[in-house]
Amino acid sequence: MSSITQSLKNHFLIAMPRLADPSFAKTLTLICEHSNDGALGIIINRPTELKLHEVFAQIGIEEPDICSRSPETVFSGGPIAKERGFVLHSGQSRWESSLRINNGLQLTSSRDILFALANDEGPEDAMIALGYAGWGKGQLEQEMSDNSWLTCTADNDIIFDTPFHHRLDAAASLIGVNLQLMSDQVGHA
């Protein structure tokens, strides 16, 4: 396989209505890394029943001083490594293990950011996710050619300021698409 023509890092993957895979149906995924070896993303519109204080308790923070800007909702970031936590956040990298997605967006997987959030010292904007979405070499490119996804440049306002149940439609509207008007049936002209 030749090299990828365009990295989708810092792009949203907008699930097409006909995407039947239950792990990705009706999802909006932020691509955090994309290279010839594959891609890693975080689904940003699937909340879990788990709350942030429960995550804190699981890592030994008994009485967190949760700041008002810390999110209470924990999201399902994808079907891989569901026990592994990720924090998608604003600001610069000052954590043990962070990946820069764009100038104002980082993905951190180290526990130090959770302790900071619990002590009111975390980033201004944050979204906590368990698990991630991953694609092997050439897999995402194949799914793109199969028309499983639409893409657009990521928008931090959609991630942090848009209610989760509106994020998919908000991202689609960035490229002038109304998903409600698209058929979920595959057909031929």
Protein backbone atom coordinates (compact mmCIF):
# COMPACT_ATOMS: atom_id res chain seq x y z
CA MET A 1 0.00 0.00 0.00
CA SER A 2 1.26 3.48 -0.78
CA SER A 3 1.34 6.22 1.80
CA ILE A 4 -1.91 7.83 2.87
CA THR A 5 -2.84 10.79 0.72
CA GLN A 6 -4.20 12.86 3.58
CA SER A 7 -4.02 12.39 7.32
CA LEU A 8 -7.38 12.64 9.02
CA LYS A 9 -5.81 13.70 12.32
CA ASN A 10 -7.87 16.55 13.81
CA HIS A 11 -10.90 15.55 11.73
CA PHE A 12 -14.32 14.28 12.68
CA LEU A 13 -15.59 11.01 11.27
CA ILE A 14 -19.32 11.36 10.81
CA ALA A 15 -21.04 7.98 10.63
CA MET A 16 -23.20 7.63 7.54
CA PRO A 17 -26.80 6.60 8.33
CA ARG A 18 -26.32 3.20 6.70
CA LEU A 19 -23.32 2.29 8.90
CA ALA A 20 -24.69 -0.79 10.64
CA ASP A 21 -21.78 -1.71 12.93
CA PRO A 22 -23.27 -1.17 16.42
CA SER A 23 -19.91 0.07 17.69
CA PHE A 24 -20.05 3.01 15.28
CA ALA A 25 -23.67 3.54 14.19
CA LYS A 26 -24.70 7.18 14.71
CA THR A 27 -21.30 8.18 16.11
CA LEU A 28 -19.09 11.20 15.83
CA THR A 29 -15.44 10.26 16.23
CA LEU A 30 -12.48 12.58 16.61
CA ILE A 31 -9.39 11.22 14.86
CA CYS A 32 -6.47 11.82 17.23
CA GLU A 33 -3.76 10.07 15.22
CA HIS A 34 -3.59 8.81 11.63
CA SER A 35 -0.58 7.45 9.79
CA ASN A 36 0.32 4.69 7.35
CA ASP A 37 0.15 2.27 10.29
CA GLY A 38 -3.48 3.02 11.16
CA ALA A 39 -5.65 5.44 13.08
CA LEU A 40 -6.82 6.13 16.62
CA GLY A 41 -9.96 8.05 17.50
CA ILE A 42 -12.29 8.87 20.37
CA ILE A 43 -16.08 8.70 19.96
CA ILE A 44 -17.41 11.94 21.43
CA ASN A 45 -21.18 11.45 21.43
CA ARG A 46 -21.80 8.22 23.40
CA PRO A 47 -22.23 8.82 27.14
CA THR A 48 -22.01 5.91 29.57
CA GLU A 49 -23.90 5.43 32.82
CA LEU A 50 -20.59 5.87 34.68
CA LYS A 51 -19.97 9.20 36.39
CA LEU A 52 -16.64 10.94 36.98
CA HIS A 53 -16.74 10.51 40.77
CA GLU A 54 -16.94 6.73 40.18
CA VAL A 55 -13.80 6.87 38.03
CA PHE A 56 -12.08 8.87 40.76
CA ALA A 57 -13.05 6.23 43.34
CA GLN A 58 -11.67 3.45 41.11
CA ILE A 59 -8.24 5.10 40.99
CA GLY A 60 -8.15 5.87 44.70
CA ILE A 61 -9.39 9.44 44.90
CA GLU A 62 -11.86 9.09 47.76
CA GLU A 63 -13.06 12.65 48.32
CA PRO A 64 -12.36 14.69 45.22
CA ASP A 65 -12.76 18.42 45.29
CA ILE A 66 -14.42 18.33 41.87
CA CYS A 67 -14.18 21.69 40.21
CA SER A 68 -17.27 23.13 38.62
CA ARG A 69 -15.74 22.91 35.16
CA SER A 70 -14.98 19.16 35.41
CA PRO A 71 -17.37 17.07 33.35
CA GLU A 72 -19.53 14.62 35.27
CA THR A 73 -20.35 12.44 32.26
CA VAL A 74 -17.96 9.72 31.13
CA PHE A 75 -18.13 8.75 27.47
CA SER A 76 -17.57 5.48 25.64
CA GLY A 77 -14.59 6.41 23.49
CA GLY A 78 -14.73 3.24 21.43
CA PRO A 79 -14.84 -0.53 21.49
CA ILE A 80 -11.11 -1.11 22.16
CA ALA A 81 -9.60 -1.24 25.68
CA LYS A 82 -12.81 -0.10 27.38
CA GLU A 83 -11.09 -0.15 30.75
CA ARG A 84 -8.50 2.40 29.62
CA GLY A 85 -9.23 6.07 30.27
CA PHE A 86 -8.56 9.06 28.05
CA VAL A 87 -9.05 12.76 28.65
CA LEU A 88 -9.67 14.96 25.65
CA HIS A 89 -8.90 18.49 26.78
CA SER A 90 -8.00 22.05 25.94
CA GLY A 91 -4.69 23.65 26.73
CA GLN A 92 -1.06 22.79 26.35
CA SER A 93 0.57 19.49 27.21
CA ARG A 94 1.82 19.39 30.75
CA TRP A 95 0.77 15.85 31.58
CA GLU A 96 2.86 12.67 31.62
CA SER A 97 1.37 11.18 28.47
CA SER A 98 -0.30 13.55 26.00
CA LEU A 99 -0.84 13.60 22.28
CA ARG A 100 -1.23 16.97 20.58
CA ILE A 101 -4.18 16.91 18.16
CA ASN A 102 -4.24 20.61 17.29
CA ASN A 103 -3.01 23.86 18.87
CA GLY A 104 -5.78 23.88 21.44
CA LEU A 105 -6.57 20.18 21.83
CA GLN A 106 -4.74 17.32 23.55
CA LEU A 107 -5.49 13.67 24.33
CA THR A 108 -4.02 12.52 27.64
CA SER A 109 -3.96 8.96 28.91
CA SER A 110 -1.97 9.37 32.14
CA ARG A 111 -3.59 9.43 35.58
CA ASP A 112 -2.01 12.74 36.58
CA ILE A 113 -4.68 14.68 34.69
CA LEU A 114 -7.44 12.89 36.62
CA PHE A 115 -5.80 13.84 39.91
CA ALA A 116 -5.55 17.43 38.65
CA LEU A 117 -9.23 17.44 37.70
CA ALA A 118 -10.14 16.10 41.14
CA ASN A 119 -8.12 18.87 42.78
CA ASP A 120 -9.55 21.71 40.69
CA GLU A 121 -6.24 22.04 38.79
CA GLY A 122 -7.24 20.50 35.48
CA PRO A 123 -7.72 22.01 32.04
CA GLU A 124 -10.55 24.45 31.40
CA ASP A 125 -12.33 22.09 28.99
CA ALA A 126 -12.20 18.31 29.35
CA MET A 127 -14.08 15.23 28.19
CA ILE A 128 -13.41 11.85 29.82
CA ALA A 129 -13.72 8.67 27.71
CA LEU A 130 -13.19 4.99 28.36
CA GLY A 131 -11.86 3.02 25.41
CA TYR A 132 -10.95 4.15 21.93
CA ALA A 133 -11.64 3.45 18.28
CA GLY A 134 -8.80 1.99 16.27
CA TRP A 135 -8.16 1.07 12.67
CA GLY A 136 -5.31 -1.06 11.36
CA LYS A 137 -3.15 -0.29 8.36
CA GLY A 138 -5.40 0.71 5.45
CA GLN A 139 -8.64 -0.12 7.28
CA LEU A 140 -9.91 3.45 7.69
CA GLU A 141 -8.98 4.29 4.10
CA GLN A 142 -11.03 1.28 2.94
CA GLU A 143 -14.01 2.36 5.06
CA MET A 144 -13.72 5.85 3.57
CA SER A 145 -13.77 4.44 0.04
CA ASP A 146 -16.83 2.33 1.02
CA ASN A 147 -18.59 5.60 1.97
CA SER A 148 -19.05 4.60 5.62
CA TRP A 149 -17.95 8.02 6.86
CA LEU A 150 -18.09 11.70 6.05
CA THR A 151 -15.24 13.84 7.30
CA CYS A 152 -14.63 17.44 8.24
CA THR A 153 -12.06 19.36 10.24
CA ALA A 154 -12.69 19.01 13.97
CA ASP A 155 -14.25 21.89 15.85
CA ASN A 156 -13.41 22.25 19.55
CA ASP A 157 -16.74 24.02 20.20
CA ILE A 158 -18.61 20.90 19.10
CA ILE A 159 -16.49 18.77 21.44
CA PHE A 160 -16.76 20.96 24.52
CA ASP A 161 -19.73 23.31 24.08
CA THR A 162 -22.35 21.30 22.18
CA PRO A 163 -24.59 18.85 24.08
CA PHE A 164 -23.55 15.29 23.18
CA HIS A 165 -26.89 14.45 21.52
CA HIS A 166 -26.42 17.34 19.05
CA ARG A 167 -22.75 16.78 18.19
CA LEU A 168 -23.25 14.43 15.22
CA ASP A 169 -25.70 16.76 13.47
CA ALA A 170 -23.60 19.82 14.34
CA ALA A 171 -20.52 18.26 12.72
CA ALA A 172 -22.50 17.25 9.62
CA SER A 173 -23.85 20.79 9.31
CA LEU A 174 -20.25 22.07 9.10
CA ILE A 175 -20.12 20.50 5.63
CA GLY A 176 -23.71 21.37 4.72
CA VAL A 177 -25.17 17.91 5.34
CA ASN A 178 -28.45 17.14 7.06
CA LEU A 179 -28.18 13.51 8.17
CA GLN A 180 -31.93 13.38 8.76
CA LEU A 181 -32.46 13.71 5.00
CA MET A 182 -30.08 10.89 4.11
CA SER A 183 -31.33 7.36 3.53
CA ASP A 184 -29.97 4.48 5.56
CA GLN A 185 -30.52 2.15 2.61
CA VAL A 186 -27.85 1.21 0.14
CA GLY A 187 -29.11 1.21 -3.41
CA HIS A 188 -28.20 1.56 -7.03
CA ALA A 189 -29.34 4.16 -9.52
